[in-house]
Amino acid sequence: MRPTRSIRLWLPLAAVLCGCREERPTDTAQDSIPLDYPELTFSLPDGGSRLWVRAVHDSLMASYPRITGHLQVQAMPKLTVSLWATGTAFYAAMQRDLGQVYPGATGYLDGPRELCILYRPAAPGESVHEFAHAVSLALNPSIANNPRWYWEAVAVYEAREVTDATRWPNEDKAFPGFSALNRFNSPLPYRWGYPISSFIISQWGDSGYVDLIRANGSVQALFGVTEAQFGAMIERYIGRQ
């Protein structure tokens, strides 16, 4: 299977390009933490701490029923969560799995059943973003970056990466268009993701939000609005003057 290109980026890139190894806990009790659970199995490819497994597992399971319920997915395959300790090993795996490296990425999916995470203090929360991608794929196997703007909007919203667009300067509230939101190595899909999903739910409800995943983000086919109309509507929603 061709790897699913789900790339988790945090900008500015300098924040994650150091590739620093997380200090390993010395708590010997970590040896008692299992790697296998009913819904998830964990891998530590370059020797990370099992305490990381506990933190990521607890974060994912706290969000699991909420996200699967909201996206109307009745059953999920068992997922593998691979946690890397170093940026060097993580980016080497990304090159192997995806065929290229996305500098600054901290997470990606390798196919529909493996979450690949560069561990750092924020990783437990960031893993929820990748899990939301996996649930989206369970709903529609063709949704991965198709289109990218909605693929990321759903993951940002479900991971509760809240952005209050009403507080943006007025010039930043101009809808950039789907082409700009579909670019890789751009902060725009993440910046606009939460307000886009919030707007869709407010306008067409949870059912419309889920149906748009099934429809691969085609707002015209599903809602009967053009891209220009959609942009104007979301600008009104976030209060652009």
Protein backbone atom coordinates (compact mmCIF):
# COMPACT_ATOMS: atom_id res chain seq x y z
CA MET A 1 0.00 0.00 0.00
CA ARG A 2 1.27 3.45 -0.87
CA PRO A 3 1.93 5.28 2.41
CA THR A 4 -0.67 7.82 3.46
CA ARG A 5 0.88 11.28 3.48
CA SER A 6 -0.36 12.78 6.70
CA ILE A 7 2.22 15.28 7.78
CA ARG A 8 2.11 17.02 11.12
CA LEU A 9 3.96 20.35 10.94
CA TRP A 10 4.70 22.87 13.62
CA LEU A 11 5.99 26.28 12.58
CA PRO A 12 8.36 28.01 13.05
CA LEU A 13 10.48 25.07 12.01
CA ALA A 14 13.33 26.01 14.31
CA ALA A 15 11.28 24.76 17.20
CA VAL A 16 11.57 21.15 16.05
CA LEU A 17 14.56 20.95 13.73
CA CYS A 18 17.02 20.46 16.57
CA GLY A 19 16.29 16.72 16.62
CA CYS A 20 17.12 16.68 20.30
CA ARG A 21 16.68 13.49 22.27
CA GLU A 22 14.19 13.73 25.08
CA GLU A 23 15.82 13.04 28.43
CA ARG A 24 14.97 9.50 29.37
CA PRO A 25 13.24 8.97 32.72
CA THR A 26 15.14 6.84 35.20
CA ASP A 27 12.01 5.44 36.81
CA THR A 28 12.53 1.68 36.71
CA ALA A 29 8.75 1.19 37.02
CA GLN A 30 8.55 1.95 33.31
CA ASP A 31 9.52 -1.67 32.63
CA SER A 32 6.10 -2.73 33.87
CA ILE A 33 4.27 -0.58 31.30
CA PRO A 34 2.96 -2.83 28.50
CA LEU A 35 3.33 -2.02 24.81
CA ASP A 36 0.16 -3.81 23.73
CA TYR A 37 -3.44 -2.76 24.48
CA PRO A 38 -6.83 -3.75 23.01
CA GLU A 39 -7.06 -0.70 20.72
CA LEU A 40 -3.39 0.24 20.32
CA THR A 41 0.01 -1.35 20.16
CA PHE A 42 3.17 0.67 20.70
CA SER A 43 6.64 0.58 19.21
CA LEU A 44 9.80 2.35 20.40
CA PRO A 45 11.99 2.08 17.28
CA ASP A 46 15.03 3.90 18.66
CA GLY A 47 14.78 3.05 22.31
CA GLY A 48 12.46 5.59 23.87
CA SER A 49 10.99 5.32 27.34
CA ARG A 50 7.92 3.25 28.14
CA LEU A 51 6.73 6.17 30.25
CA TRP A 52 6.07 7.89 26.91
CA VAL A 53 3.78 4.99 26.03
CA ARG A 54 1.71 5.61 29.14
CA ALA A 55 1.38 9.33 28.39
CA VAL A 56 0.42 8.87 24.73
CA HIS A 57 -1.90 5.94 25.43
CA ASP A 58 -3.80 7.88 28.09
CA SER A 59 -4.12 10.92 25.81
CA LEU A 60 -5.40 8.85 22.88
CA MET A 61 -7.85 6.84 24.92
CA ALA A 62 -9.26 10.00 26.51
CA SER A 63 -10.15 11.23 23.00
CA TYR A 64 -10.91 7.89 21.31
CA PRO A 65 -14.66 7.65 22.02
CA ARG A 66 -15.25 11.34 21.42
CA ILE A 67 -13.60 11.38 17.99
CA THR A 68 -14.96 8.06 16.73
CA GLY A 69 -18.42 9.08 17.94
CA HIS A 70 -18.31 12.51 16.34
CA LEU A 71 -17.09 11.12 13.02
CA GLN A 72 -19.66 8.32 13.19
CA VAL A 73 -17.10 5.52 12.93
CA GLN A 74 -18.45 2.41 14.59
CA ALA A 75 -15.25 0.35 14.62
CA MET A 76 -11.55 1.11 14.22
CA PRO A 77 -8.77 -1.30 13.28
CA LYS A 78 -6.13 -1.81 15.92
CA LEU A 79 -3.54 0.91 15.44
CA THR A 80 0.22 0.87 15.89
CA VAL A 81 1.75 3.95 17.52
CA SER A 82 5.49 4.31 16.88
CA LEU A 83 7.28 6.78 19.14
CA TRP A 84 10.72 8.01 18.07
CA ALA A 85 13.24 9.43 20.52
CA THR A 86 15.40 11.33 18.04
CA GLY A 87 14.74 13.53 15.05
CA THR A 88 17.49 11.74 13.12
CA ALA A 89 15.76 8.37 13.33
CA PHE A 90 12.29 9.86 12.87
CA TYR A 91 13.20 11.67 9.65
CA ALA A 92 15.03 8.61 8.34
CA ALA A 93 11.83 6.63 8.87
CA MET A 94 9.83 9.36 7.14
CA GLN A 95 12.14 9.20 4.13
CA ARG A 96 11.70 5.43 4.03
CA ASP A 97 7.92 5.50 4.47
CA LEU A 98 6.92 8.57 2.48
CA GLY A 99 9.77 8.90 0.02
CA GLN A 100 10.77 12.35 1.26
CA VAL A 101 11.33 14.35 4.43
CA TYR A 102 9.11 17.23 5.51
CA PRO A 103 11.36 19.34 7.75
CA GLY A 104 9.59 20.41 10.91
CA ALA A 105 7.11 17.52 10.88
CA THR A 106 6.49 15.88 14.25
CA GLY A 107 4.00 13.23 13.17
CA TYR A 108 2.65 11.37 10.16
CA LEU A 109 0.63 8.31 9.22
CA ASP A 110 2.31 5.39 7.53
CA GLY A 111 -0.79 3.94 5.90
CA PRO A 112 -4.15 3.82 7.70
CA ARG A 113 -3.00 1.87 10.76
CA GLU A 114 0.26 3.37 12.01
CA LEU A 115 0.76 6.68 13.81
CA CYS A 116 4.39 7.82 13.70
CA ILE A 117 5.30 10.40 16.34
CA LEU A 118 8.52 12.22 17.24
CA TYR A 119 8.32 12.25 21.01
CA ARG A 120 8.57 15.55 22.85
CA PRO A 121 6.56 17.02 25.73
CA ALA A 122 3.68 17.96 23.41
CA ALA A 123 3.53 14.50 21.79
CA PRO A 124 0.60 13.14 23.84
CA GLY A 125 -1.62 15.94 22.53
CA GLU A 126 -0.15 15.89 19.04
CA SER A 127 -0.84 12.17 18.74
CA VAL A 128 -4.57 12.94 18.91
CA HIS A 129 -4.23 14.92 15.66
CA GLU A 130 -2.79 11.86 13.90
CA PHE A 131 -5.45 9.64 15.45
CA ALA A 132 -8.14 11.92 14.04
CA HIS A 133 -6.57 11.39 10.60
CA ALA A 134 -6.78 7.64 11.12
CA VAL A 135 -10.46 7.88 12.06
CA SER A 136 -11.12 10.02 8.97
CA LEU A 137 -9.53 7.28 6.86
CA ALA A 138 -11.77 4.68 8.48
CA LEU A 139 -14.74 6.79 7.38
CA ASN A 140 -13.40 7.50 3.88
CA PRO A 141 -10.22 5.68 2.73
CA SER A 142 -9.68 8.25 -0.03
CA ILE A 143 -9.72 11.38 2.17
CA ALA A 144 -5.96 11.60 2.89
CA ASN A 145 -4.93 15.04 1.61
CA ASN A 146 -7.82 14.78 -0.82
CA PRO A 147 -8.36 17.64 -0.30
CA ARG A 148 -5.63 18.67 2.11
CA TRP A 149 -7.55 21.67 3.43
CA TYR A 150 -10.35 19.51 4.83
CA TRP A 151 -8.13 16.61 5.82
CA GLU A 152 -6.23 18.95 8.14
CA ALA A 153 -9.30 20.95 9.19
CA VAL A 154 -10.93 17.81 10.58
CA ALA A 155 -7.80 16.69 12.44
CA VAL A 156 -7.20 20.16 13.90
CA TYR A 157 -10.81 20.40 15.05
CA GLU A 158 -11.01 16.90 16.51
CA ALA A 159 -7.70 17.37 18.34
CA ARG A 160 -9.15 20.54 19.88
CA GLU A 161 -6.35 22.73 18.55
CA VAL A 162 -8.52 25.77 19.08
CA THR A 163 -7.98 28.96 17.10
CA ASP A 164 -10.25 31.93 17.74
CA ALA A 165 -10.27 33.54 14.31
CA THR A 166 -12.53 36.34 15.53
CA ARG A 167 -9.46 37.79 17.26
CA TRP A 168 -7.31 37.89 14.13
CA PRO A 169 -6.47 41.26 12.61
CA ASN A 170 -9.01 42.09 9.95
CA GLU A 171 -6.50 41.65 7.10
CA ASP A 172 -5.78 38.07 8.24
CA LYS A 173 -9.47 37.16 7.99
CA ALA A 174 -9.46 37.16 4.18
CA PHE A 175 -10.15 33.56 3.11
CA PRO A 176 -7.00 32.41 1.26
CA GLY A 177 -8.76 29.96 -1.06
CA PHE A 178 -8.52 26.22 -1.35
CA SER A 179 -5.36 26.22 -3.48
CA ALA A 180 -3.42 28.02 -0.76
CA LEU A 181 -4.91 25.77 1.93
CA ASN A 182 -3.87 22.67 -0.01
CA ARG A 183 -0.14 23.44 0.05
CA PHE A 184 2.34 21.31 1.91
CA ASN A 185 4.94 22.98 4.15
CA SER A 186 2.51 25.80 4.84
CA PRO A 187 0.96 26.88 8.15
CA LEU A 188 -2.31 27.85 6.46
CA PRO A 189 -4.13 24.48 6.67
CA TYR A 190 -3.44 24.40 10.42
CA ARG A 191 -4.20 28.08 11.01
CA TRP A 192 -7.54 27.89 9.22
CA GLY A 193 -8.45 24.34 10.18
CA TYR A 194 -10.36 25.03 13.39
CA PRO A 195 -12.43 27.98 12.13
CA ILE A 196 -13.28 26.10 8.92
CA SER A 197 -14.59 23.06 10.77
CA SER A 198 -16.37 25.19 13.35
CA PHE A 199 -18.04 27.17 10.56
CA ILE A 200 -19.15 24.04 8.69
CA ILE A 201 -20.69 22.58 11.83
CA SER A 202 -22.46 25.85 12.65
CA GLN A 203 -23.83 26.12 9.10
CA TRP A 204 -24.63 22.50 8.19
CA GLY A 205 -24.44 20.63 11.48
CA ASP A 206 -22.43 17.61 12.54
CA SER A 207 -24.04 15.51 9.81
CA GLY A 208 -22.90 17.97 7.12
CA TYR A 209 -19.40 18.01 8.62
CA VAL A 210 -19.18 14.21 8.46
CA ASP A 211 -20.81 14.00 5.04
CA LEU A 212 -18.18 16.44 3.73
CA ILE A 213 -15.48 13.94 4.72
CA ARG A 214 -17.33 11.31 2.70
CA ALA A 215 -17.61 13.82 -0.18
CA ASN A 216 -13.87 14.61 -0.16
CA GLY A 217 -14.47 18.24 0.72
CA SER A 218 -16.62 19.07 -2.30
CA VAL A 219 -18.64 21.95 -0.86
CA GLN A 220 -20.26 22.59 -4.22
CA ALA A 221 -21.47 19.03 -4.72
CA LEU A 222 -22.66 18.60 -1.13
CA PHE A 223 -23.83 22.07 -0.10
CA GLY A 224 -24.40 23.74 -3.46
CA VAL A 225 -21.98 26.61 -2.82
CA THR A 226 -18.99 27.70 -4.88
CA GLU A 227 -15.54 28.25 -3.44
CA ALA A 228 -16.10 32.01 -3.61
CA GLN A 229 -19.42 31.71 -1.79
CA PHE A 230 -17.86 29.43 0.82
CA GLY A 231 -15.05 31.93 1.39
CA ALA A 232 -17.47 34.84 1.75
CA MET A 233 -19.58 32.87 4.21
CA ILE A 234 -16.65 31.95 6.45
CA GLU A 235 -15.41 35.55 6.39
CA ARG A 236 -18.80 36.69 7.67
CA TYR A 237 -18.69 33.91 10.28
CA ILE A 238 -15.37 35.11 11.71
CA GLY A 239 -16.43 38.75 11.50
CA ARG A 240 -14.31 40.19 8.74
CA GLN A 241 -15.16 43.86 8.27
